[in-house]
Amino acid sequence: MARDALCNLHYQYIVNSGGKFKDDNEDTLPDIPRKTGIEQTVNGSGCMPPVRCEISPLLSYAGEGISEKVKSQVFYASKPLHLQSEDESSVSNGNGKNSPQREPSAKRLKGEDDE
């Protein structure tokens, strides 16, 4: 139940930032996730497919700053989505592809040897 609530919240962050979710029939899912049994339906089935999406807290805490990664992107409800920061190993974008691994950005601290 908590996982579903978090996924629904992250779904809303992605949609609010310009991303879209589709089902396997290429039908766009509604902007507000719905639970089974709600009157509004997707394809007349009576329920919306479960969407598993997560936004890393290292990328965004409350949906801020994710529009660069999700705007005009299409994600599929049947594939888990995990958006990560550039300092994390990869980004699963929901279409079965991962971005190339990136090395964490190196930040050199000035030490005694640098004087």
N, C-alpha and C. Protein backbone atom coordinates (compact mmCIF):
# COMPACT_ATOMS: atom_id res chain seq x y z
N MET A 1 0.81 -1.18 0.00
CA MET A 1 0.00 0.00 0.00
C MET A 1 0.87 1.26 0.00
N ALA A 2 1.90 1.31 0.82
CA ALA A 2 2.80 2.48 0.85
C ALA A 2 3.56 2.59 -0.47
N ARG A 3 3.95 1.43 -1.02
CA ARG A 3 4.65 1.43 -2.31
C ARG A 3 3.76 2.00 -3.40
N ASP A 4 2.49 1.59 -3.41
CA ASP A 4 1.55 2.11 -4.41
C ASP A 4 1.38 3.62 -4.27
N ALA A 5 1.30 4.10 -3.04
CA ALA A 5 1.14 5.54 -2.81
C ALA A 5 2.36 6.30 -3.32
N LEU A 6 3.56 5.77 -3.06
CA LEU A 6 4.78 6.42 -3.53
C LEU A 6 4.84 6.40 -5.06
N CYS A 7 4.51 5.26 -5.66
CA CYS A 7 4.51 5.17 -7.13
C CYS A 7 3.50 6.14 -7.74
N ASN A 8 2.32 6.25 -7.13
CA ASN A 8 1.31 7.19 -7.63
C ASN A 8 1.80 8.64 -7.53
N LEU A 9 2.48 8.96 -6.44
CA LEU A 9 3.02 10.30 -6.26
C LEU A 9 4.08 10.60 -7.32
N HIS A 10 4.99 9.66 -7.53
CA HIS A 10 6.04 9.85 -8.52
C HIS A 10 5.46 9.89 -9.94
N TYR A 11 4.43 9.09 -10.20
CA TYR A 11 3.71 9.12 -11.47
C TYR A 11 3.21 10.55 -11.72
N GLN A 12 2.60 11.13 -10.71
CA GLN A 12 2.06 12.49 -10.83
C GLN A 12 3.17 13.51 -11.07
N TYR A 13 4.31 13.37 -10.39
CA TYR A 13 5.44 14.26 -10.62
C TYR A 13 5.89 14.19 -12.08
N ILE A 14 5.98 12.99 -12.62
CA ILE A 14 6.44 12.80 -14.00
C ILE A 14 5.45 13.41 -14.98
N VAL A 15 4.17 13.14 -14.78
CA VAL A 15 3.14 13.69 -15.67
C VAL A 15 3.12 15.22 -15.58
N ASN A 16 3.22 15.77 -14.38
CA ASN A 16 3.24 17.22 -14.20
C ASN A 16 4.46 17.87 -14.84
N SER A 17 5.52 17.10 -15.05
CA SER A 17 6.75 17.62 -15.66
C SER A 17 6.81 17.36 -17.16
N GLY A 18 5.71 16.87 -17.73
CA GLY A 18 5.64 16.71 -19.18
C GLY A 18 5.82 15.31 -19.71
N GLY A 19 6.01 14.32 -18.84
CA GLY A 19 6.12 12.94 -19.29
C GLY A 19 4.74 12.32 -19.49
N LYS A 20 4.68 11.27 -20.29
CA LYS A 20 3.43 10.55 -20.55
C LYS A 20 3.65 9.07 -20.31
N PHE A 21 2.61 8.41 -19.86
CA PHE A 21 2.63 6.97 -19.70
C PHE A 21 1.63 6.35 -20.67
N LYS A 22 2.02 5.23 -21.27
CA LYS A 22 1.13 4.50 -22.16
C LYS A 22 1.04 3.05 -21.71
N ASP A 23 -0.07 2.42 -22.09
CA ASP A 23 -0.19 1.00 -21.82
C ASP A 23 0.37 0.24 -23.02
N ASP A 24 0.28 -1.08 -23.00
CA ASP A 24 0.85 -1.89 -24.08
C ASP A 24 0.12 -1.72 -25.41
N ASN A 25 -1.09 -1.15 -25.37
CA ASN A 25 -1.85 -0.88 -26.60
C ASN A 25 -1.56 0.51 -27.15
N GLU A 26 -0.57 1.18 -26.59
CA GLU A 26 -0.17 2.54 -26.99
C GLU A 26 -1.22 3.59 -26.63
N ASP A 27 -2.14 3.27 -25.73
CA ASP A 27 -3.11 4.26 -25.25
C ASP A 27 -2.49 5.05 -24.10
N THR A 28 -2.62 6.36 -24.15
CA THR A 28 -2.08 7.22 -23.10
C THR A 28 -2.91 7.07 -21.83
N LEU A 29 -2.22 6.90 -20.72
CA LEU A 29 -2.90 6.76 -19.43
C LEU A 29 -3.31 8.13 -18.91
N PRO A 30 -4.30 8.17 -18.03
CA PRO A 30 -4.77 9.46 -17.50
C PRO A 30 -3.70 10.16 -16.67
N ASP A 31 -3.85 11.47 -16.55
CA ASP A 31 -2.88 12.25 -15.77
C ASP A 31 -2.92 11.94 -14.29
N ILE A 32 -4.05 11.48 -13.80
CA ILE A 32 -4.18 11.12 -12.39
C ILE A 32 -4.34 9.61 -12.30
N PRO A 33 -3.43 8.92 -11.59
CA PRO A 33 -3.55 7.46 -11.48
C PRO A 33 -4.84 7.08 -10.78
N ARG A 34 -5.42 5.99 -11.23
CA ARG A 34 -6.68 5.54 -10.66
C ARG A 34 -6.54 4.11 -10.16
N LYS A 35 -7.30 3.79 -9.13
CA LYS A 35 -7.30 2.44 -8.57
C LYS A 35 -8.39 1.61 -9.21
N THR A 36 -8.27 0.29 -9.10
CA THR A 36 -9.30 -0.62 -9.60
C THR A 36 -10.64 -0.27 -8.97
N GLY A 37 -11.68 -0.28 -9.78
CA GLY A 37 -13.02 -0.05 -9.26
C GLY A 37 -13.47 1.39 -9.35
N ILE A 38 -12.61 2.30 -9.73
CA ILE A 38 -13.02 3.69 -9.90
C ILE A 38 -13.83 3.78 -11.19
N GLU A 39 -14.81 4.66 -11.22
CA GLU A 39 -15.72 4.74 -12.35
C GLU A 39 -15.00 5.03 -13.66
N GLN A 40 -14.04 5.96 -13.66
CA GLN A 40 -13.33 6.24 -14.89
C GLN A 40 -12.40 5.08 -15.19
N THR A 41 -12.38 4.68 -16.44
CA THR A 41 -11.61 3.49 -16.80
C THR A 41 -10.65 3.79 -17.93
N VAL A 42 -9.75 2.88 -18.14
CA VAL A 42 -8.85 2.91 -19.28
C VAL A 42 -9.29 1.77 -20.18
N ASN A 43 -9.63 2.06 -21.41
CA ASN A 43 -10.07 1.06 -22.39
C ASN A 43 -11.27 0.26 -21.91
N GLY A 44 -12.08 0.81 -21.04
CA GLY A 44 -13.28 0.12 -20.58
C GLY A 44 -13.01 -1.09 -19.72
N SER A 45 -11.79 -1.27 -19.27
CA SER A 45 -11.45 -2.46 -18.49
C SER A 45 -11.84 -2.34 -17.02
N GLY A 46 -12.13 -1.13 -16.56
CA GLY A 46 -12.50 -0.94 -15.17
C GLY A 46 -11.33 -0.63 -14.27
N CYS A 47 -10.11 -0.69 -14.80
CA CYS A 47 -8.95 -0.37 -13.98
C CYS A 47 -7.81 0.13 -14.84
N MET A 48 -6.90 0.78 -14.19
CA MET A 48 -5.70 1.26 -14.86
C MET A 48 -4.58 0.27 -14.57
N PRO A 49 -3.75 -0.03 -15.56
CA PRO A 49 -2.64 -0.94 -15.28
C PRO A 49 -1.75 -0.38 -14.18
N PRO A 50 -1.19 -1.23 -13.34
CA PRO A 50 -0.30 -0.72 -12.29
C PRO A 50 0.94 -0.08 -12.91
N VAL A 51 1.32 1.06 -12.39
CA VAL A 51 2.51 1.75 -12.88
C VAL A 51 3.53 1.74 -11.75
N ARG A 52 4.69 1.17 -12.02
CA ARG A 52 5.77 1.13 -11.04
C ARG A 52 6.82 2.14 -11.47
N CYS A 53 6.84 3.28 -10.80
CA CYS A 53 7.85 4.28 -11.12
C CYS A 53 8.39 4.86 -9.83
N GLU A 54 9.67 5.17 -9.87
CA GLU A 54 10.34 5.72 -8.70
C GLU A 54 11.31 6.80 -9.15
N ILE A 55 11.34 7.88 -8.42
CA ILE A 55 12.30 8.95 -8.65
C ILE A 55 13.26 8.96 -7.48
N SER A 56 14.53 8.79 -7.77
CA SER A 56 15.54 8.78 -6.71
C SER A 56 15.52 10.10 -5.95
N PRO A 57 15.62 10.04 -4.62
CA PRO A 57 15.70 11.29 -3.86
C PRO A 57 16.98 12.07 -4.14
N LEU A 58 17.98 11.43 -4.76
CA LEU A 58 19.19 12.15 -5.16
C LEU A 58 18.94 12.99 -6.41
N LEU A 59 17.88 12.66 -7.15
CA LEU A 59 17.50 13.44 -8.33
C LEU A 59 16.50 14.53 -7.97
N SER A 60 15.48 14.15 -7.22
CA SER A 60 14.42 15.10 -6.87
C SER A 60 13.69 14.61 -5.63
N TYR A 61 13.40 15.51 -4.74
CA TYR A 61 12.68 15.14 -3.53
C TYR A 61 11.18 15.30 -3.70
N ALA A 62 10.75 16.35 -4.39
CA ALA A 62 9.31 16.61 -4.54
C ALA A 62 8.94 16.90 -5.99
N GLY A 63 9.64 16.28 -6.94
CA GLY A 63 9.32 16.45 -8.34
C GLY A 63 10.00 17.62 -9.02
N GLU A 64 10.76 18.41 -8.26
CA GLU A 64 11.42 19.57 -8.84
C GLU A 64 12.62 19.12 -9.68
N GLY A 65 12.82 19.82 -10.79
CA GLY A 65 14.01 19.59 -11.61
C GLY A 65 14.03 18.33 -12.45
N ILE A 66 12.92 17.64 -12.61
CA ILE A 66 12.95 16.41 -13.42
C ILE A 66 12.48 16.63 -14.85
N SER A 67 12.01 17.83 -15.16
CA SER A 67 11.44 18.06 -16.49
C SER A 67 12.45 17.81 -17.61
N GLU A 68 13.73 18.08 -17.38
CA GLU A 68 14.74 17.81 -18.41
C GLU A 68 14.80 16.34 -18.77
N LYS A 69 14.56 15.47 -17.80
CA LYS A 69 14.64 14.03 -18.04
C LYS A 69 13.35 13.45 -18.60
N VAL A 70 12.20 14.07 -18.30
CA VAL A 70 10.94 13.42 -18.64
C VAL A 70 10.09 14.16 -19.67
N LYS A 71 10.35 15.44 -19.90
CA LYS A 71 9.50 16.21 -20.81
C LYS A 71 9.47 15.57 -22.19
N SER A 72 8.26 15.37 -22.71
CA SER A 72 8.01 14.77 -24.02
C SER A 72 8.46 13.32 -24.12
N GLN A 73 8.79 12.69 -23.01
CA GLN A 73 9.18 11.28 -23.01
C GLN A 73 7.93 10.41 -22.82
N VAL A 74 7.95 9.24 -23.43
CA VAL A 74 6.86 8.28 -23.26
C VAL A 74 7.41 7.09 -22.49
N PHE A 75 6.72 6.73 -21.42
CA PHE A 75 7.09 5.60 -20.58
C PHE A 75 5.95 4.59 -20.64
N TYR A 76 6.28 3.32 -20.49
CA TYR A 76 5.27 2.27 -20.58
C TYR A 76 4.94 1.72 -19.20
N ALA A 77 3.66 1.64 -18.93
CA ALA A 77 3.17 1.22 -17.61
C ALA A 77 3.62 -0.19 -17.26
N SER A 78 3.81 -1.03 -18.26
CA SER A 78 4.17 -2.42 -17.99
C SER A 78 5.64 -2.61 -17.64
N LYS A 79 6.44 -1.55 -17.78
CA LYS A 79 7.88 -1.65 -17.49
C LYS A 79 8.23 -0.73 -16.33
N PRO A 80 8.92 -1.24 -15.32
CA PRO A 80 9.29 -0.40 -14.18
C PRO A 80 10.18 0.77 -14.62
N LEU A 81 9.98 1.90 -14.01
CA LEU A 81 10.73 3.11 -14.31
C LEU A 81 11.43 3.57 -13.05
N HIS A 82 12.74 3.81 -13.15
CA HIS A 82 13.49 4.33 -12.02
C HIS A 82 14.37 5.46 -12.52
N LEU A 83 13.99 6.68 -12.21
CA LEU A 83 14.79 7.84 -12.59
C LEU A 83 15.84 8.08 -11.53
N GLN A 84 17.09 8.21 -11.98
CA GLN A 84 18.20 8.41 -11.06
C GLN A 84 18.97 9.66 -11.44
N SER A 85 19.75 10.16 -10.50
CA SER A 85 20.60 11.31 -10.77
C SER A 85 21.79 10.87 -11.62
N GLU A 86 22.49 11.85 -12.18
CA GLU A 86 23.66 11.53 -12.99
C GLU A 86 24.77 10.90 -12.16
N ASP A 87 24.77 11.13 -10.87
CA ASP A 87 25.79 10.55 -10.01
C ASP A 87 25.50 9.10 -9.66
N GLU A 88 24.33 8.62 -10.01
CA GLU A 88 24.02 7.21 -9.80
C GLU A 88 24.36 6.45 -11.08
N SER A 89 24.35 5.14 -11.02
CA SER A 89 24.90 4.34 -12.10
C SER A 89 24.16 4.40 -13.42
N SER A 90 22.82 4.36 -13.43
CA SER A 90 22.10 4.35 -14.70
C SER A 90 20.68 4.84 -14.49
N VAL A 91 20.00 5.09 -15.61
CA VAL A 91 18.60 5.50 -15.56
C VAL A 91 17.81 4.51 -16.39
N SER A 92 16.92 3.79 -15.76
CA SER A 92 16.02 2.92 -16.49
C SER A 92 14.86 3.78 -16.94
N ASN A 93 14.66 3.88 -18.26
CA ASN A 93 13.68 4.84 -18.75
C ASN A 93 12.35 4.22 -19.12
N GLY A 94 12.08 2.99 -18.71
CA GLY A 94 10.77 2.42 -18.92
C GLY A 94 10.53 1.86 -20.30
N ASN A 95 11.49 2.00 -21.22
CA ASN A 95 11.29 1.40 -22.52
C ASN A 95 12.31 0.29 -22.77
N GLY A 96 12.84 -0.24 -21.68
CA GLY A 96 13.75 -1.37 -21.78
C GLY A 96 15.20 -0.98 -22.01
N LYS A 97 15.49 0.30 -22.07
CA LYS A 97 16.86 0.75 -22.33
C LYS A 97 17.38 1.49 -21.12
N ASN A 98 18.66 1.38 -20.90
CA ASN A 98 19.31 2.13 -19.83
C ASN A 98 20.26 3.12 -20.46
N SER A 99 20.43 4.24 -19.81
CA SER A 99 21.42 5.18 -20.29
C SER A 99 22.80 4.62 -19.97
N PRO A 100 23.83 5.07 -20.68
CA PRO A 100 25.17 4.59 -20.37
C PRO A 100 25.56 4.95 -18.94
N GLN A 101 26.39 4.10 -18.37
CA GLN A 101 26.85 4.41 -17.02
C GLN A 101 27.73 5.64 -17.06
N ARG A 102 27.60 6.44 -16.04
CA ARG A 102 28.42 7.64 -15.93
C ARG A 102 29.19 7.58 -14.63
N GLU A 103 30.40 8.06 -14.70
CA GLU A 103 31.20 8.15 -13.49
C GLU A 103 30.66 9.29 -12.64
N PRO A 104 30.66 9.13 -11.34
CA PRO A 104 30.25 10.26 -10.48
C PRO A 104 31.14 11.46 -10.75
N SER A 105 30.57 12.62 -10.71
CA SER A 105 31.36 13.82 -10.97
C SER A 105 32.42 13.97 -9.89
N ALA A 106 33.66 14.12 -10.34
CA ALA A 106 34.78 14.22 -9.40
C ALA A 106 34.86 15.63 -8.86
N LYS A 107 34.92 15.74 -7.58
CA LYS A 107 35.07 17.03 -6.92
C LYS A 107 36.32 16.95 -6.07
N ARG A 108 37.33 17.67 -6.49
CA ARG A 108 38.60 17.64 -5.78
C ARG A 108 38.59 18.66 -4.67
N LEU A 109 38.93 18.21 -3.51
CA LEU A 109 39.01 19.10 -2.36
C LEU A 109 40.44 19.58 -2.19
N LYS A 110 40.59 20.84 -1.84
CA LYS A 110 41.92 21.39 -1.63
C LYS A 110 42.45 20.87 -0.30
N GLY A 111 43.60 20.26 -0.37
CA GLY A 111 44.21 19.71 0.84
C GLY A 111 45.54 20.37 1.12
N GLU A 112 46.23 19.83 2.09
CA GLU A 112 47.53 20.39 2.48
C GLU A 112 48.54 20.30 1.35
N ASP A 113 48.42 19.25 0.51
CA ASP A 113 49.38 19.06 -0.57
C ASP A 113 49.22 20.09 -1.69
N ASP A 114 48.08 20.78 -1.74
CA ASP A 114 47.80 21.72 -2.82
C ASP A 114 48.37 23.12 -2.55
N GLU A 115 48.92 23.35 -1.41
CA GLU A 115 49.39 24.70 -1.06
C GLU A 115 50.69 25.04 -1.67
